[in-house]
Protein backbone atom coordinates (compact mmCIF):
# COMPACT_ATOMS: atom_id res chain seq x y z
CA MET A 1 102.40 96.67 121.71
CA ARG A 2 103.70 97.61 118.04
CA MET A 3 105.26 101.00 117.38
CA LEU A 4 102.28 101.91 114.85
CA ASP A 5 99.89 101.13 117.69
CA VAL A 6 101.42 103.50 120.11
CA LEU A 7 101.69 106.07 117.34
CA ARG A 8 97.71 106.03 116.53
CA GLY A 9 96.97 106.24 120.03
CA ARG A 10 94.91 103.00 120.46
CA SER A 11 94.20 104.64 124.09
CA ALA A 12 91.53 106.07 124.94
CA GLU A 13 92.79 109.36 125.72
CA ARG A 14 95.85 109.04 123.02
CA ALA A 15 97.95 110.85 124.92
CA VAL A 16 101.71 109.84 124.45
CA THR A 17 103.80 109.88 127.79
CA ASP A 18 107.25 111.31 128.40
CA ALA A 19 108.49 107.62 127.96
CA THR A 20 106.87 107.37 124.68
CA ALA A 21 107.77 110.44 123.58
CA ALA A 22 111.44 109.98 124.25
CA MET A 23 111.09 106.36 122.43
CA LEU A 24 109.27 107.77 119.61
CA MET A 25 111.78 110.51 118.74
CA GLN A 26 114.48 108.02 118.98
CA SER A 27 112.88 105.54 116.76
CA PHE A 28 111.89 107.91 114.34
CA ALA A 29 114.79 109.85 113.35
CA GLN A 30 115.82 111.41 110.39
CA PRO A 31 114.27 111.06 107.51
CA ASP A 32 111.50 109.56 109.22
CA ALA A 33 110.50 112.73 111.64
CA GLU A 34 110.84 115.96 109.99
CA ARG A 35 110.97 118.89 111.92
CA ILE A 36 110.89 122.87 110.51
CA ILE A 37 114.56 123.69 110.32
CA PRO A 38 116.08 125.71 113.12
CA THR A 39 115.63 129.20 111.55
CA TRP A 40 112.47 129.93 113.20
CA GLN A 41 113.91 131.56 116.35
CA ASN A 42 115.17 133.96 113.40
CA THR A 43 112.57 134.31 111.34
CA THR A 44 110.54 135.56 114.09
CA GLU A 45 112.96 137.44 115.45
CA ALA A 46 112.90 139.46 111.59
CA TYR A 47 109.08 139.52 111.97
CA ALA A 48 109.26 141.41 115.31
CA GLY A 49 112.21 143.55 114.72
CA SER A 50 112.10 144.18 110.91
CA GLY A 51 110.08 147.35 109.65
CA VAL A 52 110.25 145.78 106.02
CA VAL A 53 109.86 142.33 107.09
CA PHE A 54 106.47 142.79 109.24
CA GLY A 55 105.09 145.36 106.58
CA VAL A 56 105.50 142.38 103.51
CA ILE A 57 104.43 139.82 105.41
CA ALA A 58 101.11 141.75 106.65
CA ALA A 59 100.56 142.37 102.78
CA ARG A 60 100.36 138.99 102.37
CA LEU A 61 98.55 138.12 105.17
CA MET A 62 95.66 140.68 104.85
CA LEU A 63 95.07 139.57 101.36
CA PHE A 64 95.33 136.33 101.79
CA SER A 65 92.36 136.38 104.59
CA GLU A 66 89.92 138.30 102.57
CA ALA A 67 89.16 135.22 100.90
CA GLU A 68 86.11 132.82 101.47
CA PHE A 69 85.61 129.12 100.84
CA LYS A 70 83.25 127.71 98.64
CA TYR A 71 82.81 124.11 96.67
CA GLN A 72 83.59 124.56 93.06
CA ARG A 73 81.68 122.34 90.50
CA LEU A 74 84.22 120.59 88.55
CA ALA A 75 81.60 120.38 85.25
CA ASP A 76 80.99 124.49 84.70
CA LYS A 77 83.52 125.70 87.25
CA SER A 78 80.98 127.33 89.35
CA LEU A 79 80.72 128.08 92.92
CA PHE A 80 78.43 127.51 95.74
CA GLY A 81 78.55 126.67 99.51
CA THR A 82 76.81 124.32 102.08
CA THR A 83 76.77 123.80 105.36
CA ASP A 84 79.99 121.60 105.62
CA LEU A 85 82.10 125.18 105.09
CA ASP A 86 81.02 126.23 108.73
CA LEU A 87 83.83 124.30 110.35
CA LEU A 88 85.91 126.58 108.23
CA GLU A 89 84.02 129.54 108.73
CA ASN A 90 84.19 129.28 112.56
CA PRO A 91 86.83 127.35 113.02
CA TRP A 92 86.93 127.92 116.80
CA PRO A 93 84.76 130.17 119.13
CA GLY A 94 84.97 133.04 118.06
CA GLY A 95 86.93 132.68 115.11
CA THR A 96 86.34 133.12 111.74
CA THR A 97 87.61 132.55 108.06
CA GLY A 98 89.98 135.57 107.92
CA GLU A 99 91.60 134.38 111.14
CA LEU A 100 92.01 131.08 110.24
CA LEU A 101 93.89 132.14 106.78
CA ALA A 102 96.03 134.72 108.73
CA ARG A 103 97.35 131.92 111.46
CA MET A 104 97.74 129.86 108.06
CA GLU A 105 99.69 132.55 105.72
CA GLN A 106 101.76 133.39 109.53
CA ASP A 107 103.00 130.16 110.31
CA VAL A 108 104.23 129.59 106.62
CA SER A 109 105.57 133.11 106.07
CA LEU A 110 107.73 132.14 109.35
CA ALA A 111 107.69 128.32 109.36
CA GLY A 112 107.31 127.31 105.88
CA ASN A 113 104.33 124.87 107.34
CA SER A 114 101.06 125.10 108.58
CA TYR A 115 99.43 122.47 111.06
CA THR A 116 95.26 122.62 111.39
CA ARG A 117 94.05 119.70 113.36
CA ARG A 118 90.20 119.07 113.47
CA ILE A 119 89.72 118.37 116.75
CA ASN A 120 85.90 117.02 116.02
CA ALA A 121 82.90 118.35 113.40
CA LEU A 122 82.43 121.75 114.91
CA ARG A 123 86.09 122.91 115.80
CA LEU A 124 89.59 123.16 114.05
CA GLU A 125 92.93 123.77 116.38
CA ARG A 126 95.75 125.35 115.02
CA LEU A 127 99.05 123.36 115.75
CA ARG A 128 102.42 125.65 116.40
CA PRO A 129 104.50 124.58 113.87
CA ASP A 130 107.84 124.39 115.70
CA TRP A 131 106.11 121.81 118.05
CA THR A 132 105.37 119.93 115.59
CA THR A 133 106.53 117.14 113.83
CA ILE A 134 106.08 114.84 110.60
CA VAL A 135 105.97 111.44 111.36
CA SER A 136 106.55 108.78 107.93
CA ALA A 137 107.08 105.31 107.55
CA VAL A 138 108.45 103.18 104.72
CA ARG A 139 105.33 101.31 102.59
CA ARG A 140 105.79 97.87 100.32
CA ASP A 141 104.00 98.14 97.25
CA GLY A 142 101.82 94.58 97.28
CA ASP A 143 102.14 94.09 93.79
CA ASN A 144 105.79 94.51 93.00
CA GLU A 145 107.12 94.88 96.48
CA THR A 146 109.06 98.58 95.75
CA GLN A 147 109.43 100.51 98.53
CA TYR A 148 107.91 104.43 98.86
CA ARG A 149 107.75 106.74 101.90
CA GLU A 150 104.31 108.04 103.09
CA VAL A 151 103.34 110.42 106.25
CA ILE A 152 101.27 108.51 108.72
CA GLY A 153 100.80 111.52 111.40
CA TYR A 154 101.80 114.30 113.04
CA PHE A 155 103.88 114.11 116.80
CA TYR A 156 102.67 117.26 118.52
CA ASP A 157 105.04 118.52 121.68
CA PRO A 158 103.84 121.38 123.19
CA VAL A 159 106.89 121.98 125.37
CA GLY A 160 106.09 125.44 126.16
CA ASP A 161 102.28 124.25 127.80
CA PRO A 162 102.68 122.28 130.89
CA GLU A 163 99.58 121.37 131.13
CA ARG A 164 99.13 119.59 128.07
CA THR A 165 100.76 116.33 127.29
CA ALA A 166 102.45 115.64 124.09
CA GLU A 167 100.03 113.37 121.19
CA PHE A 168 100.50 111.68 118.02
CA TYR A 169 97.47 112.53 115.21
CA PRO A 170 96.99 110.64 112.26
CA VAL A 171 97.08 112.00 108.85
CA GLU A 172 93.71 111.81 108.75
CA GLU A 173 93.37 114.55 111.12
CA VAL A 174 95.62 117.49 110.26
CA ALA A 175 96.30 119.32 107.37
CA HIS A 176 99.33 120.18 106.57
CA TRP A 177 100.07 123.10 104.20
CA SER A 178 103.65 123.65 102.78
CA PRO A 179 103.47 125.57 99.50
CA ILE A 180 106.87 126.24 99.46
CA PRO A 181 108.78 122.50 99.44
CA ASP A 182 112.02 122.18 101.31
CA PRO A 183 114.85 120.77 98.82
CA THR A 184 116.30 118.90 101.61
CA ALA A 185 113.42 116.75 102.93
CA ASN A 186 110.66 114.89 101.72
CA PHE A 187 107.37 116.25 103.23
CA ARG A 188 108.52 119.40 105.18
CA GLY A 189 108.15 122.97 103.76
CA MET A 190 110.37 125.47 103.37
CA SER A 191 110.15 129.62 104.80
CA TRP A 192 110.59 132.11 101.94
CA LEU A 193 112.60 133.62 104.42
CA THR A 194 115.27 131.36 104.56
CA PRO A 195 117.16 132.76 101.72
CA VAL A 196 116.88 136.50 102.34
CA LEU A 197 117.91 136.41 106.24
CA ARG A 198 120.97 137.61 105.21
CA GLU A 199 119.25 140.71 103.91
CA VAL A 200 117.33 141.38 107.07
CA ASP A 201 120.24 141.22 108.92
CA ALA A 202 122.10 143.21 106.60
CA ASP A 203 118.91 145.84 107.22
CA THR A 204 118.76 145.78 110.30
CA GLN A 205 122.51 147.02 110.97
CA MET A 206 121.67 149.90 108.23
CA THR A 207 118.96 151.03 111.02
CA ASP A 208 121.46 150.50 114.27
CA TYR A 209 124.06 152.46 111.62
CA LYS A 210 121.60 155.28 111.43
CA ARG A 211 120.83 154.94 115.27
CA ALA A 212 124.55 155.17 115.78
CA TYR A 213 125.16 158.19 113.14
CA LEU A 214 122.36 159.78 115.34
CA THR A 215 123.80 159.16 118.86
CA ASN A 216 127.40 160.27 117.70
CA ALA A 217 125.92 163.82 117.20
CA ALA A 218 124.50 163.24 113.72
CA THR A 219 128.55 163.59 112.36
CA PRO A 220 130.60 161.24 111.36
CA ASN A 221 134.24 160.06 113.12
CA LEU A 222 136.40 162.98 114.31
CA LEU A 223 139.97 162.83 114.22
CA ILE A 224 141.81 165.65 116.39
CA LYS A 225 145.08 166.69 115.69
CA TYR A 226 147.84 168.24 117.94
CA THR A 227 150.94 169.84 116.82
CA GLY A 228 152.42 168.78 119.97
CA LYS A 229 153.02 165.88 121.84
CA ILE A 230 150.57 165.14 124.91
CA GLY A 231 150.21 162.60 127.45
CA PRO A 232 148.03 159.65 127.74
CA ASN A 233 145.54 161.21 130.99
CA LYS A 234 144.93 164.19 128.97
CA ILE A 235 144.07 162.73 125.69
CA GLY A 236 141.89 160.79 127.84
CA HIS A 237 140.63 163.94 129.43
CA LEU A 238 139.87 165.48 125.87
CA ARG A 239 137.92 162.58 124.66
CA ASP A 240 135.81 162.56 127.47
CA GLN A 241 135.45 166.26 127.53
CA ILE A 242 134.67 166.11 124.03
CA GLU A 243 131.76 163.55 124.18
CA ALA A 244 130.53 165.04 127.02
CA ARG A 245 129.79 168.52 125.45
CA HIS A 246 129.26 167.14 121.90
CA GLY A 247 127.78 163.15 121.96
CA GLY A 248 124.66 162.47 121.41
CA VAL A 249 121.66 163.83 119.39
CA GLY A 250 121.10 166.45 121.90
CA ASN A 251 124.09 168.26 121.41
CA ALA A 252 124.33 167.72 117.44
CA PHE A 253 125.30 171.37 115.61
CA LYS A 254 126.72 172.37 118.37
CA THR A 255 130.14 174.43 117.78
CA LEU A 256 133.00 172.84 118.57
CA ILE A 257 136.37 175.00 119.85
CA LEU A 258 139.29 173.05 120.36
CA ASP A 259 142.73 175.09 121.57
CA GLU A 260 146.36 174.21 121.98
CA GLY A 261 146.73 174.06 118.13
CA ALA A 262 144.64 171.30 117.34
CA ASP A 263 142.98 170.85 114.27
CA THR A 264 139.75 168.40 113.04
CA THR A 265 139.83 166.02 110.26
CA VAL A 266 136.27 164.46 109.48
CA LEU A 267 136.38 160.44 109.15
CA GLY A 268 133.97 158.12 106.98
CA ASN A 269 131.26 159.05 104.59
CA ASN A 270 127.92 161.08 105.38
CA PHE A 271 124.45 159.56 104.15
CA ASP A 272 124.97 161.01 100.87
CA GLN A 273 128.13 160.06 100.11
CA MET A 274 127.17 156.70 100.57
CA LYS A 275 124.29 156.57 98.74
CA PHE A 276 122.69 155.33 102.13
CA ALA A 277 118.87 155.33 101.19
CA ASP A 278 119.41 153.41 97.33
CA VAL A 279 121.59 150.52 99.22
CA GLN A 280 118.59 150.23 101.97
CA ALA A 281 116.38 150.35 99.21
CA ALA A 282 117.85 147.16 97.17
CA GLY A 283 118.28 144.96 100.35
CA GLU A 284 114.20 145.88 100.97
CA ASN A 285 113.61 144.90 96.84
CA ARG A 286 115.21 141.56 97.81
CA ILE A 287 113.10 140.95 100.36
CA ALA A 288 110.11 141.82 98.87
CA VAL A 289 110.82 140.07 96.26
CA ALA A 290 111.35 136.62 97.64
CA ALA A 291 108.00 137.41 99.42
CA GLY A 292 106.38 137.62 96.14
CA VAL A 293 105.13 141.02 97.22
CA PRO A 294 105.43 144.11 94.43
CA GLY A 295 107.39 147.21 96.06
CA ILE A 296 104.61 149.67 95.55
CA VAL A 297 101.87 147.24 97.33
CA ALA A 298 104.36 146.99 100.34
CA GLY A 299 104.73 150.50 100.42
CA LEU A 300 108.91 150.02 99.89
CA LYS A 301 110.94 152.75 98.46
CA GLU A 302 111.61 151.36 95.04
CA GLY A 303 108.37 150.72 94.47
CA LEU A 304 106.64 154.23 95.18
CA ASP A 305 109.49 156.10 93.29
CA ALA A 306 107.65 154.79 90.52
CA ALA A 307 104.49 154.53 91.38
CA THR A 308 101.62 155.68 89.15
CA TYR A 309 97.14 154.77 89.28
CA SER A 310 98.06 152.64 86.47
CA ASN A 311 101.06 150.92 87.64
CA TYR A 312 99.52 149.76 91.26
CA GLU A 313 96.61 148.12 89.36
CA GLN A 314 98.93 146.28 87.23
CA ALA A 315 101.17 145.59 90.74
CA MET A 316 97.99 144.43 92.49
CA ARG A 317 96.96 142.01 89.55
CA ARG A 318 100.58 140.39 89.61
CA PHE A 319 100.50 140.22 93.31
CA ALA A 320 97.46 138.19 92.63
CA ASP A 321 97.78 136.03 90.13
CA LEU A 322 101.30 135.10 90.50
CA THR A 323 101.43 135.08 94.40
CA MET A 324 98.18 134.78 96.32
CA ARG A 325 96.37 132.47 93.61
CA PRO A 326 98.54 129.72 93.85
CA LEU A 327 98.67 129.77 97.56
CA TRP A 328 94.88 129.95 97.95
CA ARG A 329 94.69 126.91 95.77
CA SER A 330 97.37 125.05 97.65
CA ALA A 331 95.71 125.94 100.86
CA CYS A 332 92.19 124.82 99.37
CA GLY A 333 94.03 121.27 98.78
CA ALA A 334 95.69 120.75 101.92
CA LEU A 335 92.31 121.73 103.98
CA ALA A 336 89.91 119.80 101.79
CA LYS A 337 90.41 116.87 103.60
CA LEU A 338 88.60 118.25 106.90
CA VAL A 339 85.37 118.86 105.21
CA ASP A 340 83.08 116.94 103.72
CA VAL A 341 83.42 117.96 99.85
CA PRO A 342 80.78 116.69 97.40
CA GLU A 343 81.96 113.95 94.75
CA ASP A 344 81.05 116.35 91.98
CA ALA A 345 83.16 119.43 93.63
CA ARG A 346 86.37 120.62 95.44
CA LEU A 347 87.06 123.18 97.97
CA TRP A 348 88.35 126.17 96.28
CA PHE A 349 88.69 130.32 97.27
CA ASP A 350 86.00 133.04 95.95
CA THR A 351 87.66 136.19 95.66
CA SER A 352 84.82 138.37 94.37
CA ALA A 353 84.00 140.38 97.60
CA ILE A 354 87.52 141.52 97.55
CA ALA A 355 87.98 145.24 96.78
CA ALA A 356 91.38 145.40 95.74
CA LEU A 357 91.08 142.60 92.93
CA ARG A 358 87.47 143.86 91.58
CA GLN A 359 89.53 145.03 88.49
CA GLY A 360 90.81 142.20 87.73
CA GLU A 361 87.76 140.48 88.41
CA LYS A 362 85.59 142.61 86.36
CA GLU A 363 88.69 141.93 83.47
CA SER A 364 88.29 138.05 83.97
CA ALA A 365 84.34 138.10 83.67
CA ASP A 366 84.81 140.09 80.49
CA THR A 367 87.04 137.47 78.70
CA MET A 368 84.70 134.82 80.09
CA GLN A 369 81.89 136.89 78.31
CA VAL A 370 83.47 136.91 75.12
CA LEU A 371 84.50 133.07 75.25
CA ALA A 372 80.90 132.29 75.63
CA THR A 373 79.96 134.53 73.16
CA ALA A 374 82.16 132.91 70.84
């Protein structure tokens, strides 16, 4: 049996055995098999452990999942719907369009790639990006014999699901969405978190610094000096005694009394001297910039310091025009293969019912009316 036949799953259940899976991964090494870069663990930990990352992704996810799917006529750009869109409106039992879009956005933010498989005419399935491998092959142009590479399918190995076997899905069955291309790969996408993981780590360390500051009596480090020489045993005893009486938040601001001519000196800077809030806000801003989310929309300090109603409207307009609309367009392009799109139309998105964008929609409608009149 040819390898292509194995990949296309000519067997009745199209299941891939462990031996076939091993052969597949050995035969389709880079660049034939592309998996997400090994930062998935880092990005998911940042999502669960960083309030800034969670808030920024939540802002993207909440607005992105508000859109509705429609068909758009290519001739006059008008929107309409048919029963063929039921698959996207009810992707799985109890699922909605919002849940489908939320899953897609979450996977793209954390892994750079979203995979949605069409099981049948009535149901879709989200494939975990860290379990999915893009499989490609070299083709030859019949006219001039030039070579090119194209995706032939997706190998899904659910290592965390012992009841499910690995399978290969043809490219026609899976909608692969990767809005930010990975420059080191042909078909794989890249998470916007990748270039700011160090900023996320720094923000986490700043939070740890605050906790350590409070744990140590909400004061900087202290240097205690004695005029005379004291033995090592007494040094350890004094250290333990001071930590027991004055260490921890519960002992903060208690009076420190020293004897035997001891003197204290403060070491290090406090929050005000090191401009802690400004330093932390600068890191938060860089994370928001990478996500394409204005600080006002995400509720970050640098955005709120200059927040007004007018600024918020402008920020939301920028968020929708330069971040959300390109994401909606590319997501529609990826999902179009899963539905029956009319010949004179394309799969598109409808934002008219999104409350946060009504002002921008009104301005767009006014502009269209002026152009139509002219």
